[in-house]
Amino acid sequence: MKVIDEIRKWMDHNRFFVIGILGSTLIFIIAVGCTPTTQSPVDPAVMVTAPELELEYLTWHKQQEIILARFDLARADLEAQKKAWNEVQQAIVTLASGGIADLPGFMQLIFGLGGAGAIADNIRKRGLIAGLKRNK
């Protein structure tokens, strides 16, 4: 008890010194120990500081650039496929009709392929009928 009484007397005698030490310690703890944090936009369960937030932003931004590049590549691939398909269609029409892709050329293609299909169908049917007659 005597030690505690002596400490109280010393603190009472040096009251402002003790308050200054405690106050400066408190200010130091607040200044150093209380770094501002916020919820991470990427993972809301995590609290991040300003440098961590900047790093998350840069990472996210680079990922978005990569995704945009993938979309551009996919779009270019689709355009190349469409161009190739249009060239194939034009070549088929040109070979079948002997000209450019227009209505008369399209009609010639339809009638030509339809006629070829009808001939092939008649040959198949004749073969079936002949086979049925032989099996009787």
Protein backbone atom coordinates (compact mmCIF):
# COMPACT_ATOMS: atom_id res chain seq x y z
CA MET A 1 0.00 0.00 0.00
CA LYS A 2 2.84 2.31 0.78
CA VAL A 3 4.12 2.02 -2.80
CA ILE A 4 0.72 2.93 -4.20
CA ASP A 5 0.49 5.95 -1.90
CA GLU A 6 3.91 7.12 -3.06
CA ILE A 7 2.89 6.72 -6.71
CA ARG A 8 -0.28 8.73 -6.05
CA LYS A 9 1.72 11.48 -4.38
CA TRP A 10 4.19 11.57 -7.25
CA MET A 11 1.32 11.66 -9.80
CA ASP A 12 -0.41 14.41 -7.83
CA HIS A 13 2.81 16.42 -7.68
CA ASN A 14 3.56 15.85 -11.41
CA ARG A 15 -0.05 15.90 -12.58
CA PHE A 16 0.46 17.75 -15.90
CA PHE A 17 3.54 15.71 -16.75
CA VAL A 18 1.52 12.49 -16.34
CA ILE A 19 -1.38 13.95 -18.35
CA GLY A 20 1.08 15.00 -21.08
CA ILE A 21 2.66 11.54 -21.25
CA LEU A 22 -0.75 9.79 -21.32
CA GLY A 23 -2.11 12.26 -23.88
CA SER A 24 0.87 11.96 -26.19
CA THR A 25 0.72 8.16 -25.90
CA LEU A 26 -2.98 8.23 -26.78
CA ILE A 27 -2.38 10.55 -29.75
CA PHE A 28 0.46 8.30 -30.97
CA ILE A 29 -1.74 5.20 -30.72
CA ILE A 30 -4.55 6.94 -32.59
CA ALA A 31 -2.22 8.30 -35.28
CA VAL A 32 -0.34 5.08 -35.89
CA GLY A 33 -2.81 2.41 -34.85
CA CYS A 34 -5.93 3.72 -36.56
CA THR A 35 -5.20 3.37 -40.26
CA PRO A 36 -8.32 4.14 -42.30
CA THR A 37 -9.84 1.10 -43.95
CA THR A 38 -12.81 0.46 -46.16
CA GLN A 39 -14.65 -2.50 -47.59
CA SER A 40 -12.95 -4.06 -50.57
CA PRO A 41 -15.00 -3.68 -53.76
CA VAL A 42 -13.61 -7.03 -54.94
CA ASP A 43 -14.26 -8.97 -51.71
CA PRO A 44 -16.68 -7.14 -49.37
CA ALA A 45 -15.69 -9.40 -46.46
CA VAL A 46 -12.18 -7.88 -46.43
CA MET A 47 -11.24 -4.43 -45.14
CA VAL A 48 -8.47 -2.72 -47.13
CA THR A 49 -6.24 0.31 -46.67
CA ALA A 50 -5.61 2.95 -49.33
CA PRO A 51 -2.52 1.21 -50.82
CA GLU A 52 -4.32 -2.14 -50.86
CA LEU A 53 -7.34 -0.51 -52.51
CA GLU A 54 -5.09 0.99 -55.19
CA LEU A 55 -3.53 -2.42 -55.82
CA GLU A 56 -6.96 -4.04 -56.08
CA TYR A 57 -8.04 -1.35 -58.54
CA LEU A 58 -4.97 -1.83 -60.74
CA THR A 59 -5.45 -5.61 -60.70
CA TRP A 60 -9.14 -5.26 -61.55
CA HIS A 61 -8.36 -2.76 -64.32
CA LYS A 62 -5.81 -5.10 -65.93
CA GLN A 63 -8.31 -7.97 -65.76
CA GLN A 64 -10.89 -5.78 -67.52
CA GLU A 65 -8.36 -4.95 -70.25
CA ILE A 66 -7.72 -8.67 -70.73
CA ILE A 67 -11.46 -9.38 -70.97
CA LEU A 68 -11.91 -6.54 -73.48
CA ALA A 69 -9.06 -7.96 -75.57
CA ARG A 70 -10.77 -11.38 -75.50
CA PHE A 71 -14.03 -9.79 -76.68
CA ASP A 72 -12.17 -8.04 -79.51
CA LEU A 73 -10.55 -11.33 -80.55
CA ALA A 74 -13.90 -13.13 -80.44
CA ARG A 75 -15.52 -10.38 -82.54
CA ALA A 76 -12.67 -10.55 -85.09
CA ASP A 77 -13.02 -14.35 -85.21
CA LEU A 78 -16.76 -14.09 -85.87
CA GLU A 79 -16.18 -11.51 -88.61
CA ALA A 80 -13.54 -13.74 -90.24
CA GLN A 81 -15.91 -16.73 -90.12
CA LYS A 82 -18.74 -14.64 -91.59
CA LYS A 83 -16.47 -13.37 -94.37
CA ALA A 84 -15.30 -16.91 -95.16
CA TRP A 85 -18.89 -18.17 -95.18
CA ASN A 86 -19.96 -15.36 -97.52
CA GLU A 87 -17.10 -16.27 -99.86
CA VAL A 88 -18.17 -19.93 -99.82
CA GLN A 89 -21.79 -18.95 -100.55
CA GLN A 90 -20.70 -16.70 -103.40
CA ALA A 91 -18.49 -19.45 -104.84
CA ILE A 92 -21.34 -21.99 -104.68
CA VAL A 93 -23.76 -19.62 -106.38
CA THR A 94 -21.18 -18.69 -109.00
CA LEU A 95 -20.38 -22.32 -109.75
CA ALA A 96 -24.04 -23.34 -109.86
CA SER A 97 -25.43 -20.40 -111.80
CA GLY A 98 -22.43 -19.29 -113.78
CA GLY A 99 -22.85 -15.72 -112.63
CA ILE A 100 -23.17 -13.44 -109.64
CA ALA A 101 -25.58 -13.96 -106.76
CA ASP A 102 -28.77 -12.41 -108.12
CA LEU A 103 -32.38 -13.56 -108.45
CA PRO A 104 -32.02 -15.27 -111.85
CA GLY A 105 -28.85 -17.01 -110.67
CA PHE A 106 -30.63 -18.09 -107.48
CA MET A 107 -33.59 -19.43 -109.49
CA GLN A 108 -31.20 -21.34 -111.77
CA LEU A 109 -29.52 -22.82 -108.68
CA ILE A 110 -32.86 -23.83 -107.13
CA PHE A 111 -34.16 -25.46 -110.33
CA GLY A 112 -30.82 -27.10 -111.10
CA LEU A 113 -30.42 -28.64 -107.65
CA GLY A 114 -34.13 -29.45 -107.45
CA GLY A 115 -33.96 -31.21 -110.82
CA ALA A 116 -30.86 -33.15 -109.79
CA GLY A 117 -32.61 -34.17 -106.56
CA ALA A 118 -35.72 -35.29 -108.47
CA ILE A 119 -33.59 -37.37 -110.85
CA ALA A 120 -31.74 -39.01 -107.95
CA ASP A 121 -35.04 -39.67 -106.17
CA ASN A 122 -36.55 -41.28 -109.31
CA ILE A 123 -33.50 -43.52 -109.70
CA ARG A 124 -33.80 -44.64 -106.08
CA LYS A 125 -37.53 -45.29 -106.41
CA ARG A 126 -37.04 -47.31 -109.62
CA GLY A 127 -34.47 -49.42 -107.81
CA LEU A 128 -36.86 -50.06 -104.90
CA ILE A 129 -39.75 -50.93 -107.21
CA ALA A 130 -37.55 -53.26 -109.25
CA GLY A 131 -36.34 -54.93 -106.06
CA LEU A 132 -39.90 -55.44 -104.84
CA LYS A 133 -40.90 -56.97 -108.22
CA ARG A 134 -37.96 -59.38 -108.08
CA ASN A 135 -38.84 -60.53 -104.56
CA LYS A 136 -42.39 -61.57 -105.51
